[in-house]
Amino acid sequence: MKVYGHPLSINVQKVMWLIEELDLSIALEEVDIRHSHRDAQAIAERCPMQQTPVLEDGPNSVWESHTILRYLVACYGNKMWYPDCAFQRSCYERWMDWCLSSFQPVIKVALFSSASDHPHAMSSQAMSSREKALEQCRYHLERIDEVLAEQKYLASDRKTLADIAIGSLVHSLHNEASLTLPPNVSRWYRQLADLPGYQRWIMQAESTLPA
C-alpha cells in the first residue's frame, strides 16, 4: 500500500497521522500535482477528480481524505477506531462531515488566502473576508470548547476519527497570532501534540497548504 500526496497538504497530513496511529506500514509517495505534469498525470489515472491524497491498496484506489480515513479504520482498525454500532460510528462521522462542510473552508479563507501573510498587500474586500472568516473560526472554536468541557476528546473519552480530522487543522489555528485557543481546546491540542504521529505529520511540517 502507498499514499500519493504532498506532505504539506492538510488532507494528506490527516491520512498519514492516522496511518501512524494504526501502526500500518504505508509509505507516502510524494507528488506535486500543481507543478509537475508527470505527477498530475499519475494521479489522474487513479482519481477522476485529479486530486490528492489517493490511497493505493492493491488494485484499489481510494480518494477523498475522509473516505480514506473511514476505509483505513474499517479495514485495519480495531473496535476503538471502528465500532460495530452504527450510532457510535455516527458520533465521529458527524464531526468529519462538519469539518469538511463548515470548519475547513473557513480556515482556508482565514489562514490560507493568497496574501494572508502580507495583510498590507490585501485588498479591502480580501481583508474583510479574512476578518469574517477569523471571527467564524472563533465561533467554531467556542462550540468545540463547550463539547470538550464534558469529555476528553471530541466524540468520546477516546480518540476517534473526529480528532484526526479536526485536530489536523488546530495546529494552524494555534500558530495564528490573531487567534487564541479556548481553554478546553488548548488542553485537547496539548494532548494531541504529545502524540508522535501528530508531531511528525502535523507539527513538523514547515508550512501547510489548504488542501
Protein backbone atom coordinates (compact mmCIF):
# COMPACT_ATOMS: atom_id res chain seq x y z
CA MET A 1 0.00 0.00 0.00
CA LYS A 2 1.01 3.60 -0.53
CA VAL A 3 -0.42 7.08 -0.29
CA TYR A 4 0.10 9.63 -3.05
CA GLY A 5 0.22 13.24 -1.92
CA HIS A 6 2.28 16.16 -0.71
CA PRO A 7 3.36 16.21 2.97
CA LEU A 8 2.38 19.89 3.33
CA SER A 9 -1.25 19.20 2.40
CA ILE A 10 -3.65 19.20 5.35
CA ASN A 11 -5.64 16.36 3.82
CA VAL A 12 -2.54 14.24 3.30
CA GLN A 13 -1.39 15.00 6.84
CA LYS A 14 -4.68 13.67 8.24
CA VAL A 15 -4.23 10.37 6.44
CA MET A 16 -0.57 9.92 7.37
CA TRP A 17 -1.24 10.72 11.03
CA LEU A 18 -3.96 8.04 11.16
CA ILE A 19 -1.66 5.55 9.45
CA GLU A 20 0.86 6.07 12.26
CA GLU A 21 -1.88 5.76 14.90
CA LEU A 22 -2.88 2.41 13.36
CA ASP A 23 0.78 1.33 13.15
CA LEU A 24 0.47 0.50 9.45
CA SER A 25 3.39 0.24 7.04
CA ILE A 26 2.13 2.54 4.31
CA ALA A 27 4.64 4.79 2.57
CA LEU A 28 3.95 8.30 1.34
CA GLU A 29 4.75 8.70 -2.36
CA GLU A 30 5.39 12.43 -2.59
CA VAL A 31 3.79 14.06 -5.63
CA ASP A 32 3.34 17.69 -6.61
CA ILE A 33 0.35 17.89 -8.94
CA ARG A 34 0.48 21.70 -9.03
CA HIS A 35 3.92 21.92 -10.59
CA SER A 36 4.64 18.51 -12.14
CA HIS A 37 2.70 17.39 -15.23
CA ARG A 38 4.03 13.87 -14.75
CA ASP A 39 2.72 13.72 -11.16
CA ALA A 40 -0.62 15.21 -12.21
CA GLN A 41 -0.98 12.57 -14.92
CA ALA A 42 -0.17 9.77 -12.47
CA ILE A 43 -2.86 11.00 -10.07
CA ALA A 44 -5.39 11.44 -12.90
CA GLU A 45 -5.05 7.72 -13.62
CA ARG A 46 -6.04 6.94 -10.01
CA CYS A 47 -8.54 9.70 -9.19
CA PRO A 48 -11.05 11.20 -11.65
CA MET A 49 -11.01 14.48 -9.69
CA GLN A 50 -7.20 14.67 -10.15
CA GLN A 51 -6.55 15.49 -6.52
CA THR A 52 -4.69 14.04 -3.57
CA PRO A 53 -4.46 12.17 -1.30
CA VAL A 54 -5.03 8.86 -3.03
CA LEU A 55 -4.58 5.56 -1.19
CA GLU A 56 -3.49 2.62 -3.33
CA ASP A 57 -4.39 -0.68 -1.69
CA GLY A 58 -3.56 -3.48 -4.09
CA PRO A 59 -5.73 -2.98 -7.19
CA ASN A 60 -7.96 -0.47 -5.39
CA SER A 61 -7.55 3.29 -5.41
CA VAL A 62 -9.37 5.22 -2.69
CA TRP A 63 -9.62 9.03 -2.84
CA GLU A 64 -11.08 11.85 -0.72
CA SER A 65 -9.23 12.19 2.58
CA HIS A 66 -12.14 11.44 4.91
CA THR A 67 -13.19 8.45 2.82
CA ILE A 68 -9.62 7.17 3.12
CA LEU A 69 -9.79 7.63 6.90
CA ARG A 70 -13.01 5.62 7.06
CA TYR A 71 -11.59 2.95 4.75
CA LEU A 72 -8.45 2.52 6.85
CA VAL A 73 -10.27 2.06 10.15
CA ALA A 74 -12.87 -0.23 8.57
CA CYS A 75 -10.18 -2.46 7.06
CA TYR A 76 -7.33 -2.18 9.55
CA GLY A 77 -8.62 -0.59 12.77
CA ASN A 78 -9.82 -2.22 15.97
CA LYS A 79 -13.18 -1.68 17.70
CA MET A 80 -11.94 1.57 19.24
CA TRP A 81 -11.49 3.06 15.78
CA TYR A 82 -14.37 1.26 14.05
CA PRO A 83 -17.11 0.18 16.47
CA ASP A 84 -19.78 -2.29 15.38
CA CYS A 85 -22.58 0.08 16.39
CA ALA A 86 -23.66 2.41 13.58
CA PHE A 87 -24.70 5.09 16.06
CA GLN A 88 -21.29 5.03 17.73
CA ARG A 89 -19.69 5.49 14.31
CA SER A 90 -22.04 8.39 13.61
CA CYS A 91 -20.69 10.18 16.69
CA TYR A 92 -17.37 10.76 14.95
CA GLU A 93 -18.66 10.79 11.37
CA ARG A 94 -20.85 13.84 12.02
CA TRP A 95 -17.72 15.73 13.12
CA MET A 96 -15.92 14.63 9.96
CA ASP A 97 -18.74 15.89 7.75
CA TRP A 98 -18.97 19.16 9.68
CA CYS A 99 -15.23 19.60 9.32
CA LEU A 100 -15.39 19.42 5.52
CA SER A 101 -18.57 21.45 5.12
CA SER A 102 -18.04 24.19 7.71
CA PHE A 103 -14.72 24.25 9.55
CA GLN A 104 -12.05 23.59 6.94
CA PRO A 105 -13.46 26.03 4.32
CA VAL A 106 -13.48 28.95 6.75
CA ILE A 107 -9.95 28.13 7.93
CA LYS A 108 -8.85 28.17 4.30
CA VAL A 109 -10.16 31.73 3.90
CA ALA A 110 -8.80 32.89 7.26
CA LEU A 111 -5.31 31.45 7.06
CA PHE A 112 -4.53 30.42 3.51
CA SER A 113 -5.77 33.23 1.26
CA SER A 114 -3.04 34.08 -1.22
CA ALA A 115 -1.94 37.24 0.52
CA SER A 116 -2.79 36.38 4.11
CA ASP A 117 0.85 36.60 5.15
CA HIS A 118 1.02 40.16 3.81
CA PRO A 119 -2.06 42.00 5.14
CA HIS A 120 -0.93 45.36 3.79
CA ALA A 121 -0.94 43.93 0.27
CA MET A 122 -4.51 42.66 0.55
CA SER A 123 -7.47 44.48 -0.92
CA SER A 124 -10.07 45.85 1.49
CA GLN A 125 -12.50 43.19 0.28
CA ALA A 126 -9.98 40.40 0.91
CA MET A 127 -9.17 41.79 4.36
CA SER A 128 -12.88 41.95 5.20
CA SER A 129 -13.37 38.35 4.06
CA ARG A 130 -10.40 37.24 6.14
CA GLU A 131 -11.66 39.04 9.26
CA LYS A 132 -15.10 37.49 8.86
CA ALA A 133 -13.51 34.07 8.46
CA LEU A 134 -11.37 34.59 11.57
CA GLU A 135 -14.47 35.53 13.52
CA GLN A 136 -16.21 32.39 12.28
CA CYS A 137 -13.17 30.37 13.38
CA ARG A 138 -13.52 31.86 16.86
CA TYR A 139 -17.20 30.92 16.91
CA HIS A 140 -16.46 27.33 15.86
CA LEU A 141 -13.68 27.03 18.44
CA GLU A 142 -16.05 28.15 21.19
CA ARG A 143 -18.55 25.47 20.18
CA ILE A 144 -15.79 22.84 20.16
CA ASP A 145 -14.66 24.12 23.57
CA GLU A 146 -18.13 23.52 25.02
CA VAL A 147 -18.03 19.89 23.87
CA LEU A 148 -14.52 19.35 25.23
CA ALA A 149 -15.58 20.71 28.61
CA GLU A 150 -17.57 17.49 29.04
CA GLN A 151 -15.17 14.88 27.67
CA LYS A 152 -11.53 14.24 26.85
CA TYR A 153 -11.90 14.03 23.07
CA LEU A 154 -14.42 15.29 20.53
CA ALA A 155 -16.71 12.27 20.21
CA SER A 156 -15.97 10.44 23.47
CA ASP A 157 -13.26 9.97 26.08
CA ARG A 158 -11.19 8.11 23.49
CA LYS A 159 -9.58 9.25 20.26
CA THR A 160 -11.70 8.81 17.16
CA LEU A 161 -11.59 9.96 13.56
CA ALA A 162 -13.20 13.20 14.75
CA ASP A 163 -9.93 14.09 16.47
CA ILE A 164 -7.89 13.10 13.43
CA ALA A 165 -9.99 15.18 11.04
CA ILE A 166 -10.33 18.32 13.17
CA GLY A 167 -7.15 18.03 15.20
CA SER A 168 -5.13 18.21 12.00
CA LEU A 169 -6.43 21.75 11.49
CA VAL A 170 -5.99 23.08 15.01
CA HIS A 171 -2.20 23.33 14.83
CA SER A 172 -2.50 26.07 12.20
CA LEU A 173 -5.04 27.90 14.37
CA HIS A 174 -2.74 27.57 17.38
CA ASN A 175 0.01 29.27 15.36
CA GLU A 176 -2.22 32.15 14.19
CA ALA A 177 -1.32 35.29 16.16
CA SER A 178 -4.80 36.78 15.91
CA LEU A 179 -6.46 33.71 17.45
CA THR A 180 -6.36 32.26 20.96
CA LEU A 181 -7.50 28.70 21.53
CA PRO A 182 -10.19 28.46 24.24
CA PRO A 183 -9.05 26.60 27.39
CA ASN A 184 -10.57 23.19 26.67
CA VAL A 185 -9.46 23.28 23.04
CA SER A 186 -5.97 24.22 24.24
CA ARG A 187 -5.93 21.26 26.63
CA TRP A 188 -7.07 18.95 23.84
CA TYR A 189 -4.44 20.37 21.49
CA ARG A 190 -1.71 19.69 24.05
CA GLN A 191 -2.89 16.06 24.27
CA LEU A 192 -2.59 15.73 20.51
CA ALA A 193 0.78 17.47 20.49
CA ASP A 194 2.18 14.71 22.71
CA LEU A 195 1.43 12.07 20.07
CA PRO A 196 4.40 11.02 17.88
CA GLY A 197 2.24 10.86 14.74
CA TYR A 198 0.88 14.35 15.33
CA GLN A 199 4.35 15.70 15.92
CA ARG A 200 5.72 14.06 12.78
CA TRP A 201 2.96 14.77 10.27
CA ILE A 202 1.28 17.92 11.60
CA MET A 203 3.64 19.91 13.78
CA GLN A 204 6.91 19.30 11.96
CA ALA A 205 5.59 20.39 8.56
CA GLU A 206 7.38 23.59 7.58
CA SER A 207 4.11 25.06 6.35
CA THR A 208 0.70 23.79 5.39
CA LEU A 209 -1.36 24.09 2.24
CA PRO A 210 -5.15 24.34 2.36
CA ALA A 211 -5.82 21.08 0.54
